[in-house]
Amino acid sequence: MPTEVRFPPPPVCTAYWNEADWARYIEAKGVTVELEPETLPGFNGAVWVKTGERNTKGEMLYRRRCEGA
């Protein structure tokens, strides 16, 4: 009978990470993470483009790319 039982750590939600959390992750993994990409894929082939503006929470705002733009 085992005397010790180990469980895997729960999955991590990065939604609440701050800059220090990301810095530790990048240092540990040795990679850079693009936190705010220039474009985001959307539903039905739509593309969302970074505006360079932030909301009151400090989150980057994106605007849907219009056809012909």
C-alpha atoms as a PDB file:
ATOM      1  CA  MET A   1       0.000   0.000   0.000  1.00  0.00           C
ATOM      2  CA  PRO A   2       1.457   3.398  -0.958  1.00  0.00           C
ATOM      3  CA  THR A   3       2.339   5.756   1.842  1.00  0.00           C
ATOM      4  CA  GLU A   4       2.156   8.869  -0.324  1.00  0.00           C
ATOM      5  CA  VAL A   5      -0.276   9.871  -3.038  1.00  0.00           C
ATOM      6  CA  ARG A   6       0.525  12.663  -5.486  1.00  0.00           C
ATOM      7  CA  PHE A   7      -1.910  14.452  -7.724  1.00  0.00           C
ATOM      8  CA  PRO A   8      -1.013  16.588 -10.737  1.00  0.00           C
ATOM      9  CA  PRO A   9      -1.298  20.341 -10.242  1.00  0.00           C
ATOM     10  CA  PRO A  10      -4.558  21.889 -11.445  1.00  0.00           C
ATOM     11  CA  PRO A  11      -4.561  23.694 -14.804  1.00  0.00           C
ATOM     12  CA  VAL A  12      -3.505  27.322 -14.604  1.00  0.00           C
ATOM     13  CA  CYS A  13      -5.759  30.168 -15.699  1.00  0.00           C
ATOM     14  CA  THR A  14      -3.624  33.034 -17.022  1.00  0.00           C
ATOM     15  CA  ALA A  15      -6.535  35.491 -16.983  1.00  0.00           C
ATOM     16  CA  TYR A  16      -5.463  36.773 -13.561  1.00  0.00           C
ATOM     17  CA  TRP A  17      -1.711  36.845 -14.146  1.00  0.00           C
ATOM     18  CA  ASN A  18       0.135  40.116 -13.673  1.00  0.00           C
ATOM     19  CA  GLU A  19       3.379  41.249 -15.322  1.00  0.00           C
ATOM     20  CA  ALA A  20       5.506  39.537 -12.635  1.00  0.00           C
ATOM     21  CA  ASP A  21       3.715  36.214 -13.261  1.00  0.00           C
ATOM     22  CA  TRP A  22       4.405  36.483 -17.000  1.00  0.00           C
ATOM     23  CA  ALA A  23       8.042  37.420 -16.347  1.00  0.00           C
ATOM     24  CA  ARG A  24       8.516  34.300 -14.187  1.00  0.00           C
ATOM     25  CA  TYR A  25       6.863  32.152 -16.874  1.00  0.00           C
ATOM     26  CA  ILE A  26       9.057  33.580 -19.624  1.00  0.00           C
ATOM     27  CA  GLU A  27      12.187  33.115 -17.502  1.00  0.00           C
ATOM     28  CA  ALA A  28      11.280  29.506 -16.686  1.00  0.00           C
ATOM     29  CA  LYS A  29      10.262  28.532 -20.222  1.00  0.00           C
ATOM     30  CA  GLY A  30      12.891  30.554 -22.048  1.00  0.00           C
ATOM     31  CA  VAL A  31      10.364  31.913 -24.532  1.00  0.00           C
ATOM     32  CA  THR A  32       8.639  35.190 -25.095  1.00  0.00           C
ATOM     33  CA  VAL A  33       4.860  35.357 -25.024  1.00  0.00           C
ATOM     34  CA  GLU A  34       2.931  37.796 -27.188  1.00  0.00           C
ATOM     35  CA  LEU A  35       0.346  39.069 -24.717  1.00  0.00           C
ATOM     36  CA  GLU A  36      -1.404  41.404 -27.144  1.00  0.00           C
ATOM     37  CA  PRO A  37      -1.116  40.201 -30.733  1.00  0.00           C
ATOM     38  CA  GLU A  38      -1.664  42.646 -33.594  1.00  0.00           C
ATOM     39  CA  THR A  39      -4.583  40.594 -34.969  1.00  0.00           C
ATOM     40  CA  LEU A  40      -6.968  37.993 -33.592  1.00  0.00           C
ATOM     41  CA  PRO A  41      -8.920  35.458 -35.662  1.00  0.00           C
ATOM     42  CA  GLY A  42     -12.688  35.669 -35.304  1.00  0.00           C
ATOM     43  CA  PHE A  43     -15.795  33.732 -36.263  1.00  0.00           C
ATOM     44  CA  ASN A  44     -16.456  33.115 -39.998  1.00  0.00           C
ATOM     45  CA  GLY A  45     -13.061  34.411 -41.069  1.00  0.00           C
ATOM     46  CA  ALA A  46     -13.403  37.788 -39.358  1.00  0.00           C
ATOM     47  CA  VAL A  47     -10.177  39.466 -38.239  1.00  0.00           C
ATOM     48  CA  TRP A  48      -9.908  41.709 -35.171  1.00  0.00           C
ATOM     49  CA  VAL A  49      -7.148  44.344 -35.278  1.00  0.00           C
ATOM     50  CA  LYS A  50      -5.461  45.958 -32.264  1.00  0.00           C
ATOM     51  CA  THR A  51      -6.499  49.619 -31.900  1.00  0.00           C
ATOM     52  CA  GLY A  52      -3.708  50.700 -29.540  1.00  0.00           C
ATOM     53  CA  GLU A  53      -6.297  51.975 -27.047  1.00  0.00           C
ATOM     54  CA  ARG A  54      -7.180  50.493 -23.665  1.00  0.00           C
ATOM     55  CA  ASN A  55     -10.400  50.354 -21.677  1.00  0.00           C
ATOM     56  CA  THR A  56     -10.724  51.460 -18.033  1.00  0.00           C
ATOM     57  CA  LYS A  57      -9.425  48.051 -16.864  1.00  0.00           C
ATOM     58  CA  GLY A  58      -6.259  48.486 -18.933  1.00  0.00           C
ATOM     59  CA  GLU A  59      -7.217  45.784 -21.442  1.00  0.00           C
ATOM     60  CA  MET A  60      -6.222  46.245 -25.079  1.00  0.00           C
ATOM     61  CA  LEU A  61      -9.125  47.044 -27.393  1.00  0.00           C
ATOM     62  CA  TYR A  62      -9.616  45.391 -30.787  1.00  0.00           C
ATOM     63  CA  ARG A  63     -11.816  46.444 -33.697  1.00  0.00           C
ATOM     64  CA  ARG A  64     -13.200  44.157 -36.372  1.00  0.00           C
ATOM     65  CA  ARG A  65     -11.487  44.726 -39.725  1.00  0.00           C
ATOM     66  CA  CYS A  66     -14.024  45.922 -42.274  1.00  0.00           C
ATOM     67  CA  GLU A  67     -14.116  44.547 -45.815  1.00  0.00           C
ATOM     68  CA  GLY A  68     -12.014  46.602 -48.198  1.00  0.00           C
ATOM     69  CA  ALA A  69     -10.030  48.245 -45.385  1.00  0.00           C
END
